């Protein structure tokens, strides 16, 4: 499992910059950033090198934030690799609420996703031969 920081931001000029500035000042490195937005607000999803330090710094700066655990896998850089993993999950009845990629290495992508059945997802992925992070 990978810890993700979810930050609620008002949809107004400079808020994302403010959030990233707090992380910079706390010497927290961003590995991934994803934003889901509406007209009034956004939810910024972050994967960082130190989630405890990031959460503490963001909350101290007044940002409404929390930790969410994601299932994460390493996917080879080849056609169909992610599809194979998604088919195994779907065939087992595991629903994915949201998904995004983050920094990988050595010709692989790292994919993180939220599901209401993380233990089952991990077991299915391991049985399918996936590298769970």
C-alpha atoms as a PDB file:
ATOM      1  CA  UNK A   1       0.000   0.000   0.000  1.00  0.00           C
ATOM      2  CA  UNK A   2       1.071   3.537  -0.743  1.00  0.00           C
ATOM      3  CA  UNK A   3       0.028   6.515   1.368  1.00  0.00           C
ATOM      4  CA  UNK A   4      -1.631   9.314  -0.551  1.00  0.00           C
ATOM      5  CA  UNK A   5      -2.289  12.770   0.860  1.00  0.00           C
ATOM      6  CA  UNK A   6      -5.653  14.224  -0.164  1.00  0.00           C
ATOM      7  CA  UNK A   7      -5.895  18.013   0.137  1.00  0.00           C
ATOM      8  CA  UNK A   8      -9.121  19.995  -0.210  1.00  0.00           C
ATOM      9  CA  UNK A   9      -8.482  23.308  -1.989  1.00  0.00           C
ATOM     10  CA  UNK A  10     -10.770  26.176  -2.809  1.00  0.00           C
ATOM     11  CA  UNK A  11     -10.801  26.687  -6.572  1.00  0.00           C
ATOM     12  CA  UNK A  12      -9.154  30.090  -6.580  1.00  0.00           C
ATOM     13  CA  UNK A  13      -5.960  31.601  -7.860  1.00  0.00           C
ATOM     14  CA  UNK A  14      -2.790  30.632  -6.022  1.00  0.00           C
ATOM     15  CA  UNK A  15      -4.116  27.841  -3.799  1.00  0.00           C
ATOM     16  CA  UNK A  16      -2.208  25.053  -5.541  1.00  0.00           C
ATOM     17  CA  UNK A  17       0.933  27.166  -5.428  1.00  0.00           C
ATOM     18  CA  UNK A  18       0.376  27.759  -1.704  1.00  0.00           C
ATOM     19  CA  UNK A  19       0.004  24.019  -1.114  1.00  0.00           C
ATOM     20  CA  UNK A  20       3.194  23.192  -3.008  1.00  0.00           C
ATOM     21  CA  UNK A  21       5.058  25.985  -1.215  1.00  0.00           C
ATOM     22  CA  UNK A  22       4.217  24.397   2.156  1.00  0.00           C
ATOM     23  CA  UNK A  23       5.628  21.085   0.942  1.00  0.00           C
ATOM     24  CA  UNK A  24       8.763  22.781  -0.387  1.00  0.00           C
ATOM     25  CA  UNK A  25       9.340  24.549   2.936  1.00  0.00           C
ATOM     26  CA  UNK A  26       8.923  21.211   4.739  1.00  0.00           C
ATOM     27  CA  UNK A  27      11.481  19.643   2.355  1.00  0.00           C
ATOM     28  CA  UNK A  28       8.926  17.114   1.082  1.00  0.00           C
ATOM     29  CA  UNK A  29       9.457  15.764  -2.424  1.00  0.00           C
ATOM     30  CA  UNK A  30       6.437  15.263  -4.710  1.00  0.00           C
ATOM     31  CA  UNK A  31       6.325  11.982  -6.604  1.00  0.00           C
ATOM     32  CA  UNK A  32       2.859  12.543  -8.059  1.00  0.00           C
ATOM     33  CA  UNK A  33       0.120  15.135  -8.134  1.00  0.00           C
ATOM     34  CA  UNK A  34      -3.410  14.714  -9.453  1.00  0.00           C
ATOM     35  CA  UNK A  35      -6.296  17.175  -9.271  1.00  0.00           C
ATOM     36  CA  UNK A  36     -10.021  16.478  -9.439  1.00  0.00           C
ATOM     37  CA  UNK A  37     -11.953  19.738  -9.562  1.00  0.00           C
ATOM     38  CA  UNK A  38     -15.354  21.345  -9.627  1.00  0.00           C
ATOM     39  CA  UNK A  39     -16.245  24.987 -10.054  1.00  0.00           C
ATOM     40  CA  UNK A  40     -15.800  25.767  -6.336  1.00  0.00           C
ATOM     41  CA  UNK A  41     -13.132  23.361  -5.084  1.00  0.00           C
ATOM     42  CA  UNK A  42     -10.579  20.735  -5.966  1.00  0.00           C
ATOM     43  CA  UNK A  43      -9.124  17.678  -4.352  1.00  0.00           C
ATOM     44  CA  UNK A  44      -5.389  17.431  -4.833  1.00  0.00           C
ATOM     45  CA  UNK A  45      -4.021  13.922  -4.495  1.00  0.00           C
ATOM     46  CA  UNK A  46      -0.326  13.706  -3.679  1.00  0.00           C
ATOM     47  CA  UNK A  47       2.180  10.922  -3.338  1.00  0.00           C
ATOM     48  CA  UNK A  48       5.254  12.196  -1.549  1.00  0.00           C
ATOM     49  CA  UNK A  49       8.481  10.881  -0.090  1.00  0.00           C
ATOM     50  CA  UNK A  50       7.363  11.501   3.520  1.00  0.00           C
ATOM     51  CA  UNK A  51       3.592  11.441   3.991  1.00  0.00           C
ATOM     52  CA  UNK A  52       3.719  12.035   7.758  1.00  0.00           C
ATOM     53  CA  UNK A  53       5.832  15.178   7.366  1.00  0.00           C
ATOM     54  CA  UNK A  54       3.663  16.382   4.458  1.00  0.00           C
ATOM     55  CA  UNK A  55       0.409  15.884   6.341  1.00  0.00           C
ATOM     56  CA  UNK A  56       1.743  17.630   9.420  1.00  0.00           C
ATOM     57  CA  UNK A  57       3.023  20.624   7.420  1.00  0.00           C
ATOM     58  CA  UNK A  58      -0.182  20.964   5.387  1.00  0.00           C
ATOM     59  CA  UNK A  59      -2.428  20.773   8.443  1.00  0.00           C
ATOM     60  CA  UNK A  60      -0.239  23.254  10.343  1.00  0.00           C
ATOM     61  CA  UNK A  61      -0.643  25.643   7.390  1.00  0.00           C
ATOM     62  CA  UNK A  62      -4.438  25.306   7.579  1.00  0.00           C
ATOM     63  CA  UNK A  63      -5.034  22.926   4.675  1.00  0.00           C
ATOM     64  CA  UNK A  64      -7.826  20.400   5.160  1.00  0.00           C
ATOM     65  CA  UNK A  65      -5.979  17.174   4.370  1.00  0.00           C
ATOM     66  CA  UNK A  66      -5.970  13.467   5.147  1.00  0.00           C
ATOM     67  CA  UNK A  67      -4.162  10.234   4.332  1.00  0.00           C
ATOM     68  CA  UNK A  68      -5.694   7.595   2.070  1.00  0.00           C
ATOM     69  CA  UNK A  69      -4.078   4.245   1.338  1.00  0.00           C
ATOM     70  CA  UNK A  70      -3.808   3.173  -2.285  1.00  0.00           C
ATOM     71  CA  UNK A  71      -2.989  -0.164  -3.791  1.00  0.00           C
ATOM     72  CA  UNK A  72       0.045   0.372  -6.001  1.00  0.00           C
ATOM     73  CA  UNK A  73       1.607  -1.793  -8.659  1.00  0.00           C
ATOM     74  CA  UNK A  74       4.622  -1.634 -10.900  1.00  0.00           C
ATOM     75  CA  UNK A  75       3.591  -2.072 -14.526  1.00  0.00           C
ATOM     76  CA  UNK A  76       6.081  -2.927 -17.291  1.00  0.00           C
ATOM     77  CA  UNK A  77       6.306  -0.510 -20.201  1.00  0.00           C
ATOM     78  CA  UNK A  78       4.685  -2.778 -22.784  1.00  0.00           C
ATOM     79  CA  UNK A  79       1.397  -2.841 -24.626  1.00  0.00           C
ATOM     80  CA  UNK A  80      -1.432  -4.378 -22.614  1.00  0.00           C
ATOM     81  CA  UNK A  81       0.407  -4.672 -19.296  1.00  0.00           C
ATOM     82  CA  UNK A  82      -2.038  -2.474 -17.393  1.00  0.00           C
ATOM     83  CA  UNK A  83      -5.019  -4.012 -19.203  1.00  0.00           C
ATOM     84  CA  UNK A  84      -4.017  -7.470 -17.943  1.00  0.00           C
ATOM     85  CA  UNK A  85      -4.015  -6.247 -14.340  1.00  0.00           C
ATOM     86  CA  UNK A  86      -7.335  -4.420 -14.748  1.00  0.00           C
ATOM     87  CA  UNK A  87      -8.971  -7.480 -16.332  1.00  0.00           C
ATOM     88  CA  UNK A  88      -7.864  -9.636 -13.372  1.00  0.00           C
ATOM     89  CA  UNK A  89      -9.336  -7.113 -10.933  1.00  0.00           C
ATOM     90  CA  UNK A  90     -12.579  -6.721 -12.869  1.00  0.00           C
ATOM     91  CA  UNK A  91     -13.030 -10.483 -13.255  1.00  0.00           C
ATOM     92  CA  UNK A  92     -12.670 -10.782  -9.464  1.00  0.00           C
ATOM     93  CA  UNK A  93     -15.263  -8.098  -8.741  1.00  0.00           C
ATOM     94  CA  UNK A  94     -12.796  -5.459  -7.545  1.00  0.00           C
ATOM     95  CA  UNK A  95     -14.022  -1.967  -8.397  1.00  0.00           C
ATOM     96  CA  UNK A  96     -11.569   0.893  -8.855  1.00  0.00           C
ATOM     97  CA  UNK A  97     -12.761   4.269  -7.576  1.00  0.00           C
ATOM     98  CA  UNK A  98      -9.905   6.261  -9.134  1.00  0.00           C
ATOM     99  CA  UNK A  99      -6.450   5.619 -10.509  1.00  0.00           C
ATOM    100  CA  UNK A 100      -3.368   7.506 -11.598  1.00  0.00           C
ATOM    101  CA  UNK A 101       0.302   6.934 -12.304  1.00  0.00           C
ATOM    102  CA  UNK A 102       3.315   8.192 -10.417  1.00  0.00           C
ATOM    103  CA  UNK A 103       7.077   8.159 -10.768  1.00  0.00           C
ATOM    104  CA  UNK A 104       8.470   4.790 -11.776  1.00  0.00           C
ATOM    105  CA  UNK A 105      11.921   3.616 -12.747  1.00  0.00           C
ATOM    106  CA  UNK A 106      13.759   1.118 -14.914  1.00  0.00           C
ATOM    107  CA  UNK A 107      11.193   1.066 -17.730  1.00  0.00           C
ATOM    108  CA  UNK A 108       8.182   0.632 -15.463  1.00  0.00           C
ATOM    109  CA  UNK A 109       5.271   2.831 -14.489  1.00  0.00           C
ATOM    110  CA  UNK A 110       3.844   2.889 -10.994  1.00  0.00           C
ATOM    111  CA  UNK A 111       0.066   2.886 -10.872  1.00  0.00           C
ATOM    112  CA  UNK A 112      -1.888   3.658  -7.704  1.00  0.00           C
ATOM    113  CA  UNK A 113      -5.601   3.162  -7.250  1.00  0.00           C
ATOM    114  CA  UNK A 114      -8.300   3.439  -4.594  1.00  0.00           C
ATOM    115  CA  UNK A 115     -10.665   0.567  -4.017  1.00  0.00           C
ATOM    116  CA  UNK A 116     -13.047  -0.412  -1.242  1.00  0.00           C
ATOM    117  CA  UNK A 117     -11.472  -3.899  -1.271  1.00  0.00           C
ATOM    118  CA  UNK A 118      -7.707  -3.324  -0.987  1.00  0.00           C
ATOM    119  CA  UNK A 119      -6.843  -6.710   0.564  1.00  0.00           C
ATOM    120  CA  UNK A 120      -8.737  -8.582  -2.150  1.00  0.00           C
ATOM    121  CA  UNK A 121      -7.147  -6.397  -4.842  1.00  0.00           C
ATOM    122  CA  UNK A 122      -3.655  -7.174  -3.538  1.00  0.00           C
ATOM    123  CA  UNK A 123      -4.390 -10.917  -3.422  1.00  0.00           C
ATOM    124  CA  UNK A 124      -5.798 -10.897  -6.979  1.00  0.00           C
ATOM    125  CA  UNK A 125      -2.853  -8.907  -8.315  1.00  0.00           C
ATOM    126  CA  UNK A 126      -0.300 -11.126  -6.611  1.00  0.00           C
ATOM    127  CA  UNK A 127      -2.022 -14.251  -7.968  1.00  0.00           C
ATOM    128  CA  UNK A 128      -1.869 -12.671 -11.444  1.00  0.00           C
ATOM    129  CA  UNK A 129       1.889 -12.152 -11.042  1.00  0.00           C
ATOM    130  CA  UNK A 130       1.790  -8.367 -10.628  1.00  0.00           C
ATOM    131  CA  UNK A 131       4.460  -6.601  -8.613  1.00  0.00           C
ATOM    132  CA  UNK A 132       2.553  -4.937  -5.772  1.00  0.00           C
ATOM    133  CA  UNK A 133       4.453  -2.054  -4.179  1.00  0.00           C
END
